[in-house]
C-alpha cells in the first residue's frame, strides 16, 4: 500500500459510487490522498491502513431510532468505544440501534463495511443526520472510504467541514462521547 495524491489514473474496475466521490471532491477543489487495499474487514487490515494514512481513522456507525424513522451517521475515532446510551440524551432520542443495511444502501448508496461520510452526497433528501464526536473535528485530517471498502482517503478536516458538508447539504451535530464506556 502506498499513499498517492488524488484519484486513480486508471478507473477500470472502479464502481460508479467511488468515481462519483472523486468527481465531487475534485469539483470542490478538495485535495486528498488515497491508498488502495484489499477489503478491510479485520482489525489487522485496518491497522495497516492506519499506518499508511497516518491520520485519525473514523469509525462510521449507521444508526436509527426504534421506529426506523430517524437515521444517523455517527463519525467517531476508530479506537473509541461506543454505547448508544452515551449519545441518545445528547440528540434527544430515546433509543438507538444499528440500522438495517437496506436503509444504508437506500439513503447513502453504500454497503456495510464501506460506511463513510462520502455517502452523504447520495442523501439528497436529508434522511440521515450526521453526528460527529468532537475529537474528529479537532483533528487536522481524517480518513474515510470513498463509498467502497477497498480504498481509503485522507482529507483535511477543514475541507470536509467548510466545503464538503455544505456542498452535500448536511450540517453535522457535534457530540461528546466519553473516552471510556460508561455503565
N, C-alpha and C. Protein backbone atom coordinates (compact mmCIF):
# COMPACT_ATOMS: atom_id res chain seq x y z
N UNK A 1 0.83 -1.19 0.00
CA UNK A 1 0.00 0.00 0.00
C UNK A 1 0.87 1.24 0.00
N UNK A 2 0.45 2.20 -0.80
CA UNK A 2 1.14 3.48 -0.79
C UNK A 2 0.12 4.59 -0.85
N UNK A 3 0.51 5.75 -0.36
CA UNK A 3 -0.36 6.92 -0.35
C UNK A 3 -0.06 7.74 -1.59
N UNK A 4 -1.08 8.01 -2.40
CA UNK A 4 -0.92 8.80 -3.62
C UNK A 4 -1.90 9.97 -3.61
N UNK A 5 -1.56 11.03 -4.31
CA UNK A 5 -2.44 12.20 -4.38
C UNK A 5 -3.54 11.98 -5.41
N UNK A 6 -4.76 12.28 -5.01
CA UNK A 6 -5.87 12.31 -5.93
C UNK A 6 -6.43 10.99 -6.41
N UNK A 7 -7.24 11.11 -7.44
CA UNK A 7 -7.97 9.96 -7.99
C UNK A 7 -7.04 9.00 -8.70
N UNK A 8 -7.50 7.76 -8.87
CA UNK A 8 -6.70 6.79 -9.63
C UNK A 8 -6.60 7.24 -11.10
N UNK A 9 -5.45 7.02 -11.70
CA UNK A 9 -5.27 7.35 -13.12
C UNK A 9 -6.11 6.42 -14.00
N UNK A 10 -6.20 5.17 -13.62
CA UNK A 10 -6.98 4.18 -14.37
C UNK A 10 -8.23 3.83 -13.55
N UNK A 11 -9.39 4.12 -14.10
CA UNK A 11 -10.64 3.88 -13.38
C UNK A 11 -11.27 2.53 -13.72
N UNK A 12 -10.57 1.72 -14.50
CA UNK A 12 -11.07 0.40 -14.88
C UNK A 12 -11.36 -0.43 -13.62
N UNK A 13 -12.54 -1.00 -13.56
CA UNK A 13 -12.91 -1.86 -12.44
C UNK A 13 -13.41 -1.11 -11.22
N UNK A 14 -13.39 0.21 -11.27
CA UNK A 14 -13.88 1.01 -10.13
C UNK A 14 -15.40 1.16 -10.24
N UNK A 15 -16.08 1.12 -9.11
CA UNK A 15 -17.53 1.28 -9.08
C UNK A 15 -17.90 2.74 -9.30
N UNK A 16 -19.07 2.96 -9.88
CA UNK A 16 -19.56 4.32 -10.12
C UNK A 16 -19.62 5.12 -8.83
N UNK A 17 -20.03 4.47 -7.72
CA UNK A 17 -20.16 5.20 -6.45
C UNK A 17 -18.81 5.74 -5.99
N UNK A 18 -17.72 5.03 -6.27
CA UNK A 18 -16.39 5.51 -5.92
C UNK A 18 -15.97 6.66 -6.84
N UNK A 19 -16.20 6.51 -8.12
CA UNK A 19 -15.83 7.55 -9.09
C UNK A 19 -16.58 8.84 -8.81
N UNK A 20 -17.85 8.73 -8.41
CA UNK A 20 -18.65 9.93 -8.06
C UNK A 20 -18.01 10.69 -6.90
N UNK A 21 -17.41 9.99 -5.95
CA UNK A 21 -16.74 10.65 -4.83
C UNK A 21 -15.56 11.47 -5.35
N UNK A 22 -14.74 10.86 -6.19
CA UNK A 22 -13.58 11.59 -6.74
C UNK A 22 -14.05 12.78 -7.56
N UNK A 23 -15.10 12.61 -8.36
CA UNK A 23 -15.63 13.71 -9.17
C UNK A 23 -16.06 14.87 -8.29
N UNK A 24 -16.78 14.56 -7.20
CA UNK A 24 -17.26 15.62 -6.32
C UNK A 24 -16.10 16.32 -5.61
N UNK A 25 -15.18 15.55 -5.04
CA UNK A 25 -14.04 16.15 -4.35
C UNK A 25 -13.24 17.03 -5.30
N UNK A 26 -13.01 16.55 -6.52
CA UNK A 26 -12.27 17.34 -7.50
C UNK A 26 -13.03 18.62 -7.87
N UNK A 27 -14.33 18.52 -8.05
CA UNK A 27 -15.13 19.70 -8.42
C UNK A 27 -15.14 20.75 -7.29
N UNK A 28 -15.01 20.29 -6.05
CA UNK A 28 -14.97 21.20 -4.89
C UNK A 28 -13.56 21.69 -4.59
N UNK A 29 -12.61 21.24 -5.41
CA UNK A 29 -11.19 21.58 -5.23
C UNK A 29 -10.69 21.18 -3.84
N UNK A 30 -11.11 19.99 -3.43
CA UNK A 30 -10.66 19.41 -2.16
C UNK A 30 -9.53 18.45 -2.49
N UNK A 31 -8.36 18.72 -1.93
CA UNK A 31 -7.22 17.82 -2.13
C UNK A 31 -7.36 16.62 -1.20
N UNK A 32 -6.91 15.48 -1.68
CA UNK A 32 -6.99 14.27 -0.87
C UNK A 32 -5.89 13.33 -1.31
N UNK A 33 -5.53 12.47 -0.37
CA UNK A 33 -4.59 11.40 -0.66
C UNK A 33 -5.36 10.10 -0.55
N UNK A 34 -4.92 9.09 -1.29
CA UNK A 34 -5.66 7.85 -1.39
C UNK A 34 -4.71 6.66 -1.32
N UNK A 35 -5.20 5.59 -0.72
CA UNK A 35 -4.49 4.33 -0.79
C UNK A 35 -5.50 3.24 -1.15
N UNK A 36 -5.10 2.35 -2.02
CA UNK A 36 -5.93 1.21 -2.39
C UNK A 36 -5.46 0.00 -1.60
N UNK A 37 -6.38 -0.88 -1.27
CA UNK A 37 -6.05 -2.03 -0.43
C UNK A 37 -7.09 -3.12 -0.62
N UNK A 38 -6.79 -4.27 -0.09
CA UNK A 38 -7.78 -5.35 -0.07
C UNK A 38 -8.93 -4.90 0.81
N UNK A 39 -10.06 -5.57 0.68
CA UNK A 39 -11.19 -5.23 1.54
C UNK A 39 -10.76 -5.33 2.99
N UNK A 40 -10.98 -4.25 3.72
CA UNK A 40 -10.54 -4.19 5.12
C UNK A 40 -11.66 -4.69 6.03
N UNK A 41 -11.57 -5.96 6.42
CA UNK A 41 -12.61 -6.50 7.29
C UNK A 41 -12.05 -7.14 8.55
N UNK A 42 -10.78 -6.85 8.85
CA UNK A 42 -10.19 -7.29 10.13
C UNK A 42 -9.48 -6.10 10.76
N UNK A 43 -9.30 -6.15 12.06
CA UNK A 43 -8.60 -5.07 12.75
C UNK A 43 -7.15 -4.98 12.27
N UNK A 44 -6.54 -6.11 11.96
CA UNK A 44 -5.16 -6.10 11.48
C UNK A 44 -5.05 -5.34 10.16
N UNK A 45 -5.99 -5.58 9.26
CA UNK A 45 -6.00 -4.87 7.98
C UNK A 45 -6.21 -3.37 8.20
N UNK A 46 -7.13 -3.02 9.08
CA UNK A 46 -7.38 -1.61 9.38
C UNK A 46 -6.15 -0.94 9.98
N UNK A 47 -5.45 -1.66 10.84
CA UNK A 47 -4.24 -1.10 11.45
C UNK A 47 -3.18 -0.80 10.41
N UNK A 48 -3.05 -1.67 9.41
CA UNK A 48 -2.09 -1.43 8.33
C UNK A 48 -2.47 -0.19 7.52
N UNK A 49 -3.73 -0.03 7.25
CA UNK A 49 -4.22 1.15 6.51
C UNK A 49 -3.97 2.40 7.34
N UNK A 50 -4.24 2.32 8.65
CA UNK A 50 -4.00 3.45 9.54
C UNK A 50 -2.55 3.93 9.45
N UNK A 51 -1.62 2.99 9.39
CA UNK A 51 -0.20 3.35 9.31
C UNK A 51 0.11 4.10 8.03
N UNK A 52 -0.50 3.68 6.93
CA UNK A 52 -0.27 4.33 5.64
C UNK A 52 -0.88 5.73 5.62
N UNK A 53 -2.12 5.87 6.10
CA UNK A 53 -2.80 7.16 6.08
C UNK A 53 -2.23 8.15 7.10
N UNK A 54 -1.77 7.64 8.22
CA UNK A 54 -1.23 8.49 9.28
C UNK A 54 -2.19 9.63 9.64
N UNK A 55 -3.42 9.27 9.95
CA UNK A 55 -4.43 10.23 10.35
C UNK A 55 -5.45 9.55 11.25
N UNK A 56 -6.39 10.33 11.78
CA UNK A 56 -7.44 9.75 12.60
C UNK A 56 -8.37 8.97 11.67
N UNK A 57 -8.49 7.69 11.93
CA UNK A 57 -9.36 6.84 11.15
C UNK A 57 -10.71 6.80 11.85
N UNK A 58 -11.73 7.17 11.12
CA UNK A 58 -13.04 7.27 11.74
C UNK A 58 -13.82 5.97 11.65
N UNK A 59 -14.47 5.69 12.76
CA UNK A 59 -15.46 4.62 12.80
C UNK A 59 -16.76 5.31 12.42
N UNK A 60 -17.45 4.79 11.43
CA UNK A 60 -18.71 5.37 10.98
C UNK A 60 -19.82 4.37 11.27
N UNK A 61 -20.74 4.78 12.12
CA UNK A 61 -21.83 3.89 12.51
C UNK A 61 -23.15 4.42 11.96
N UNK A 62 -23.89 3.55 11.30
CA UNK A 62 -25.19 3.92 10.74
C UNK A 62 -26.26 3.45 11.71
N UNK A 63 -26.96 4.39 12.32
CA UNK A 63 -27.87 4.11 13.42
C UNK A 63 -29.28 4.59 13.09
N UNK A 64 -30.25 4.09 13.84
CA UNK A 64 -31.63 4.57 13.68
C UNK A 64 -32.37 4.48 15.01
N UNK A 65 -33.51 5.17 15.07
CA UNK A 65 -34.36 5.06 16.24
C UNK A 65 -35.16 3.76 16.16
N UNK A 66 -35.87 3.45 17.20
CA UNK A 66 -36.63 2.19 17.29
C UNK A 66 -37.66 2.06 16.17
N UNK A 67 -38.28 3.19 15.80
CA UNK A 67 -39.33 3.17 14.79
C UNK A 67 -38.77 3.14 13.35
N UNK A 68 -37.47 3.28 13.23
CA UNK A 68 -36.81 3.33 11.92
C UNK A 68 -37.33 4.48 11.07
N UNK A 69 -37.51 5.64 11.76
CA UNK A 69 -37.95 6.86 11.07
C UNK A 69 -36.89 7.94 11.10
N UNK A 70 -35.90 7.79 11.97
CA UNK A 70 -34.79 8.76 12.04
C UNK A 70 -33.50 7.97 11.91
N UNK A 71 -32.61 8.47 11.03
CA UNK A 71 -31.35 7.79 10.76
C UNK A 71 -30.18 8.72 11.05
N UNK A 72 -29.11 8.13 11.54
CA UNK A 72 -27.94 8.90 11.95
C UNK A 72 -26.67 8.23 11.43
N UNK A 73 -25.74 9.05 11.02
CA UNK A 73 -24.40 8.58 10.70
C UNK A 73 -23.48 9.18 11.75
N UNK A 74 -22.92 8.33 12.61
CA UNK A 74 -22.04 8.78 13.67
C UNK A 74 -20.60 8.58 13.25
N UNK A 75 -19.85 9.65 13.27
CA UNK A 75 -18.43 9.64 12.92
C UNK A 75 -17.64 9.84 14.21
N UNK A 76 -16.81 8.86 14.54
CA UNK A 76 -16.08 8.92 15.80
C UNK A 76 -14.70 8.29 15.63
N UNK A 77 -13.76 8.58 16.53
CA UNK A 77 -12.44 7.94 16.42
C UNK A 77 -12.59 6.42 16.44
N UNK A 78 -11.82 5.75 15.60
CA UNK A 78 -11.93 4.31 15.44
C UNK A 78 -11.58 3.51 16.68
N UNK A 79 -10.75 4.08 17.55
CA UNK A 79 -10.33 3.34 18.74
C UNK A 79 -11.19 3.64 19.96
N UNK A 80 -12.22 4.43 19.81
CA UNK A 80 -13.06 4.82 20.92
C UNK A 80 -14.23 3.83 21.07
N UNK A 81 -14.54 3.42 22.29
CA UNK A 81 -15.69 2.52 22.49
C UNK A 81 -17.00 3.27 22.30
N UNK A 82 -18.06 2.54 22.01
CA UNK A 82 -19.35 3.17 21.78
C UNK A 82 -20.47 2.40 22.47
N UNK A 83 -21.30 3.15 23.17
CA UNK A 83 -22.54 2.63 23.75
C UNK A 83 -23.63 3.62 23.38
N UNK A 84 -24.75 3.13 22.92
CA UNK A 84 -25.80 4.03 22.44
C UNK A 84 -26.27 5.01 23.51
N UNK A 85 -26.28 4.60 24.76
CA UNK A 85 -26.77 5.49 25.81
C UNK A 85 -25.89 6.72 25.99
N UNK A 86 -24.64 6.65 25.52
CA UNK A 86 -23.75 7.80 25.64
C UNK A 86 -24.12 8.91 24.65
N UNK A 87 -24.98 8.62 23.72
CA UNK A 87 -25.33 9.61 22.71
C UNK A 87 -26.81 9.97 22.68
N UNK A 88 -27.69 9.06 23.10
CA UNK A 88 -29.12 9.30 22.95
C UNK A 88 -29.60 10.58 23.63
N UNK A 89 -29.13 10.85 24.83
CA UNK A 89 -29.56 12.04 25.54
C UNK A 89 -29.10 13.31 24.80
N UNK A 90 -27.90 13.26 24.23
CA UNK A 90 -27.36 14.43 23.54
C UNK A 90 -28.17 14.79 22.29
N UNK A 91 -28.80 13.80 21.66
CA UNK A 91 -29.54 14.09 20.43
C UNK A 91 -31.06 14.02 20.63
N UNK A 92 -31.49 13.75 21.86
CA UNK A 92 -32.91 13.73 22.16
C UNK A 92 -33.66 12.56 21.57
N UNK A 93 -33.02 11.42 21.58
CA UNK A 93 -33.63 10.20 21.04
C UNK A 93 -33.65 9.16 22.16
N UNK A 94 -34.77 8.47 22.31
CA UNK A 94 -34.91 7.52 23.41
C UNK A 94 -33.99 6.32 23.29
N UNK A 95 -33.88 5.77 22.09
CA UNK A 95 -33.07 4.57 21.93
C UNK A 95 -32.58 4.47 20.50
N UNK A 96 -31.34 4.06 20.35
CA UNK A 96 -30.74 3.88 19.02
C UNK A 96 -30.28 2.45 18.86
N UNK A 97 -30.30 2.00 17.63
CA UNK A 97 -29.72 0.70 17.31
C UNK A 97 -29.09 0.82 15.92
N UNK A 98 -28.38 -0.23 15.51
CA UNK A 98 -27.78 -0.21 14.18
C UNK A 98 -28.90 -0.35 13.15
N UNK A 99 -28.84 0.49 12.13
CA UNK A 99 -29.86 0.46 11.08
C UNK A 99 -29.60 -0.71 10.15
N UNK A 100 -30.67 -1.19 9.56
CA UNK A 100 -30.59 -2.29 8.60
C UNK A 100 -29.82 -1.86 7.35
N UNK A 101 -29.05 -2.77 6.76
CA UNK A 101 -28.26 -2.45 5.57
C UNK A 101 -29.06 -1.88 4.40
N UNK A 102 -30.33 -2.29 4.27
CA UNK A 102 -31.10 -1.77 3.14
C UNK A 102 -31.32 -0.26 3.23
N UNK A 103 -31.42 0.29 4.45
CA UNK A 103 -31.53 1.75 4.61
C UNK A 103 -30.21 2.42 4.24
N UNK A 104 -29.12 1.81 4.60
CA UNK A 104 -27.79 2.33 4.28
C UNK A 104 -27.64 2.44 2.76
N UNK A 105 -28.07 1.40 2.09
CA UNK A 105 -27.96 1.40 0.62
C UNK A 105 -28.96 2.40 0.01
N UNK A 106 -30.16 2.45 0.55
CA UNK A 106 -31.19 3.35 0.00
C UNK A 106 -30.80 4.82 0.16
N UNK A 107 -30.33 5.21 1.34
CA UNK A 107 -30.06 6.62 1.61
C UNK A 107 -28.65 7.07 1.25
N UNK A 108 -27.66 6.19 1.46
CA UNK A 108 -26.26 6.58 1.26
C UNK A 108 -25.60 5.92 0.05
N UNK A 109 -26.26 4.93 -0.55
CA UNK A 109 -25.70 4.16 -1.65
C UNK A 109 -24.36 3.53 -1.25
N UNK A 110 -24.36 2.94 -0.06
CA UNK A 110 -23.17 2.30 0.49
C UNK A 110 -23.57 0.94 1.06
N UNK A 111 -22.64 0.01 0.98
CA UNK A 111 -22.86 -1.32 1.57
C UNK A 111 -22.12 -1.39 2.91
N UNK A 112 -22.54 -2.29 3.80
CA UNK A 112 -21.83 -2.46 5.06
C UNK A 112 -20.33 -2.70 4.83
N UNK A 113 -19.52 -2.10 5.67
CA UNK A 113 -18.07 -2.21 5.54
C UNK A 113 -17.46 -1.01 4.84
N UNK A 114 -18.29 -0.24 4.13
CA UNK A 114 -17.80 0.93 3.40
C UNK A 114 -18.47 2.21 3.88
N UNK A 115 -19.15 2.16 5.02
CA UNK A 115 -19.88 3.33 5.53
C UNK A 115 -18.91 4.50 5.67
N UNK A 116 -19.34 5.65 5.18
CA UNK A 116 -18.46 6.81 5.14
C UNK A 116 -19.28 8.08 4.98
N UNK A 117 -18.73 9.18 5.44
CA UNK A 117 -19.38 10.47 5.24
C UNK A 117 -19.54 10.79 3.77
N UNK A 118 -18.73 10.19 2.92
CA UNK A 118 -18.83 10.45 1.48
C UNK A 118 -20.19 10.02 0.95
N UNK A 119 -20.83 9.06 1.59
CA UNK A 119 -22.15 8.62 1.18
C UNK A 119 -23.22 9.68 1.34
N UNK A 120 -22.94 10.72 2.15
CA UNK A 120 -23.93 11.78 2.34
C UNK A 120 -24.22 12.51 1.03
N UNK A 121 -23.32 12.42 0.07
CA UNK A 121 -23.56 13.05 -1.24
C UNK A 121 -24.77 12.42 -1.93
N UNK A 122 -25.12 11.20 -1.55
CA UNK A 122 -26.25 10.49 -2.14
C UNK A 122 -27.55 10.70 -1.37
N UNK A 123 -27.47 11.32 -0.21
CA UNK A 123 -28.64 11.56 0.63
C UNK A 123 -29.21 12.95 0.31
N UNK A 124 -29.75 13.08 -0.89
CA UNK A 124 -30.21 14.39 -1.36
C UNK A 124 -31.46 14.89 -0.65
N UNK A 125 -32.18 14.00 0.02
CA UNK A 125 -33.38 14.41 0.74
C UNK A 125 -33.15 14.50 2.25
N UNK A 126 -31.91 14.42 2.66
CA UNK A 126 -31.52 14.58 4.07
C UNK A 126 -32.28 13.66 5.03
N UNK A 127 -32.27 12.38 4.70
CA UNK A 127 -32.85 11.39 5.59
C UNK A 127 -31.92 11.08 6.76
N UNK A 128 -30.63 11.37 6.60
CA UNK A 128 -29.62 10.98 7.58
C UNK A 128 -29.04 12.21 8.25
N UNK A 129 -29.06 12.22 9.59
CA UNK A 129 -28.44 13.30 10.36
C UNK A 129 -27.01 12.88 10.70
N UNK A 130 -26.08 13.73 10.40
CA UNK A 130 -24.68 13.46 10.68
C UNK A 130 -24.34 13.87 12.11
N UNK A 131 -23.72 12.97 12.85
CA UNK A 131 -23.24 13.23 14.21
C UNK A 131 -21.73 13.03 14.20
N UNK A 132 -21.00 13.99 14.78
CA UNK A 132 -19.54 13.87 14.81
C UNK A 132 -19.04 14.04 16.24
N UNK A 133 -18.26 13.08 16.69
CA UNK A 133 -17.64 13.18 18.01
C UNK A 133 -16.57 14.27 17.96
N UNK A 134 -16.54 15.14 18.94
CA UNK A 134 -15.68 16.32 18.95
C UNK A 134 -14.22 16.06 18.56
N UNK A 135 -13.55 15.01 19.04
CA UNK A 135 -12.15 14.82 18.66
C UNK A 135 -11.92 14.71 17.14
N UNK A 136 -12.94 14.27 16.41
CA UNK A 136 -12.80 14.15 14.96
C UNK A 136 -12.64 15.53 14.32
N UNK A 137 -13.49 16.48 14.72
CA UNK A 137 -13.40 17.81 14.10
C UNK A 137 -12.20 18.60 14.60
N UNK A 138 -11.62 18.14 15.70
CA UNK A 138 -10.44 18.83 16.24
C UNK A 138 -9.14 18.31 15.62
N UNK A 139 -9.23 17.27 14.81
CA UNK A 139 -8.04 16.72 14.18
C UNK A 139 -7.76 17.47 12.87
N UNK A 140 -6.51 17.48 12.44
CA UNK A 140 -6.13 18.19 11.22
C UNK A 140 -6.66 17.48 9.97
N UNK A 141 -6.61 16.16 9.97
CA UNK A 141 -7.08 15.37 8.83
C UNK A 141 -7.91 14.20 9.33
N UNK A 142 -8.70 13.65 8.40
CA UNK A 142 -9.48 12.46 8.72
C UNK A 142 -9.29 11.42 7.62
N UNK A 143 -9.57 10.18 7.96
CA UNK A 143 -9.54 9.10 6.99
C UNK A 143 -10.93 8.55 6.81
N UNK A 144 -11.28 8.24 5.56
CA UNK A 144 -12.59 7.66 5.28
C UNK A 144 -12.53 6.88 3.97
N UNK A 145 -13.57 6.09 3.72
CA UNK A 145 -13.68 5.34 2.46
C UNK A 145 -14.38 6.20 1.41
N UNK A 146 -14.05 6.03 0.14
CA UNK A 146 -14.78 6.70 -0.93
C UNK A 146 -15.98 5.85 -1.40
N UNK A 147 -16.82 5.45 -0.44
CA UNK A 147 -18.02 4.65 -0.69
C UNK A 147 -17.73 3.21 -1.11
N UNK A 148 -16.49 2.79 -1.00
CA UNK A 148 -16.09 1.39 -1.20
C UNK A 148 -15.07 1.05 -0.12
N UNK A 149 -14.97 -0.23 0.23
CA UNK A 149 -14.06 -0.61 1.32
C UNK A 149 -12.70 -1.09 0.83
N UNK A 150 -12.39 -0.82 -0.43
CA UNK A 150 -11.09 -1.23 -0.99
C UNK A 150 -10.17 -0.04 -1.26
N UNK A 151 -10.58 1.14 -0.83
CA UNK A 151 -9.75 2.34 -0.90
C UNK A 151 -10.03 3.17 0.33
N UNK A 152 -9.05 3.97 0.72
CA UNK A 152 -9.22 4.88 1.85
C UNK A 152 -8.64 6.23 1.47
N UNK A 153 -9.26 7.29 2.00
CA UNK A 153 -8.84 8.65 1.70
C UNK A 153 -8.36 9.36 2.95
N UNK A 154 -7.46 10.30 2.75
CA UNK A 154 -7.01 11.20 3.80
C UNK A 154 -7.32 12.62 3.32
N UNK A 155 -8.15 13.33 4.09
CA UNK A 155 -8.64 14.64 3.70
C UNK A 155 -8.47 15.61 4.87
N UNK A 156 -8.19 16.87 4.56
CA UNK A 156 -8.12 17.87 5.62
C UNK A 156 -9.52 18.06 6.23
N UNK A 157 -9.59 18.01 7.53
CA UNK A 157 -10.86 18.15 8.23
C UNK A 157 -11.53 19.47 7.87
N UNK A 158 -10.74 20.50 7.78
CA UNK A 158 -11.28 21.83 7.45
C UNK A 158 -12.01 21.80 6.09
N UNK A 159 -11.46 21.10 5.12
CA UNK A 159 -12.11 20.99 3.81
C UNK A 159 -13.43 20.23 3.89
N UNK A 160 -13.45 19.20 4.73
CA UNK A 160 -14.69 18.43 4.91
C UNK A 160 -15.75 19.33 5.53
N UNK A 161 -15.38 20.07 6.57
CA UNK A 161 -16.34 20.93 7.28
C UNK A 161 -16.78 22.13 6.45
N UNK A 162 -15.84 22.77 5.76
CA UNK A 162 -16.14 24.03 5.08
C UNK A 162 -16.55 23.88 3.61
N UNK A 163 -16.19 22.77 2.98
CA UNK A 163 -16.53 22.59 1.56
C UNK A 163 -17.47 21.41 1.31
N UNK A 164 -17.09 20.22 1.83
CA UNK A 164 -17.87 19.01 1.53
C UNK A 164 -19.26 19.06 2.15
N UNK A 165 -19.36 19.27 3.45
CA UNK A 165 -20.68 19.24 4.10
C UNK A 165 -21.64 20.29 3.52
N UNK A 166 -21.20 21.54 3.30
CA UNK A 166 -22.12 22.49 2.67
C UNK A 166 -22.54 22.05 1.26
N UNK A 167 -21.64 21.46 0.51
CA UNK A 167 -21.96 21.03 -0.85
C UNK A 167 -22.99 19.90 -0.88
N UNK A 168 -22.98 19.05 0.14
CA UNK A 168 -23.94 17.93 0.17
C UNK A 168 -25.12 18.24 1.10
N UNK A 169 -25.18 19.48 1.57
CA UNK A 169 -26.31 19.98 2.37
C UNK A 169 -26.55 19.19 3.65
N UNK A 170 -25.46 18.90 4.35
CA UNK A 170 -25.56 18.23 5.64
C UNK A 170 -24.77 19.04 6.66
N UNK A 171 -25.45 19.40 7.72
CA UNK A 171 -24.78 20.12 8.80
C UNK A 171 -24.62 19.17 9.98
N UNK A 172 -23.37 18.96 10.41
CA UNK A 172 -23.17 18.00 11.50
C UNK A 172 -23.63 18.53 12.85
N UNK A 173 -24.03 17.59 13.69
CA UNK A 173 -24.28 17.87 15.10
C UNK A 173 -23.06 17.33 15.83
N UNK A 174 -22.42 18.17 16.62
CA UNK A 174 -21.22 17.76 17.35
C UNK A 174 -21.66 17.14 18.68
N UNK A 175 -21.15 15.95 18.96
CA UNK A 175 -21.46 15.25 20.20
C UNK A 175 -20.16 15.00 20.97
N UNK A 176 -20.31 14.68 22.23
CA UNK A 176 -19.16 14.40 23.09
C UNK A 176 -19.32 13.01 23.69
N UNK A 177 -18.60 12.06 23.11
CA UNK A 177 -18.65 10.69 23.62
C UNK A 177 -17.53 10.50 24.63
N UNK A 178 -17.79 9.74 25.70
CA UNK A 178 -16.74 9.51 26.69
C UNK A 178 -15.62 8.65 26.10
N UNK A 179 -14.40 8.84 26.65
CA UNK A 179 -13.27 8.04 26.20
C UNK A 179 -13.35 6.60 26.67
N UNK A 180 -14.09 6.37 27.72
CA UNK A 180 -14.29 5.02 28.24
C UNK A 180 -15.76 4.71 28.27
N UNK A 181 -16.13 3.47 28.07
CA UNK A 181 -17.52 3.06 28.11
C UNK A 181 -18.04 3.22 29.53
N UNK A 182 -19.20 3.88 29.65
CA UNK A 182 -19.82 4.04 30.97
C UNK A 182 -20.83 2.94 31.20
N UNK A 183 -21.10 2.67 32.44
CA UNK A 183 -22.08 1.60 32.76
C UNK A 183 -23.50 2.04 32.56
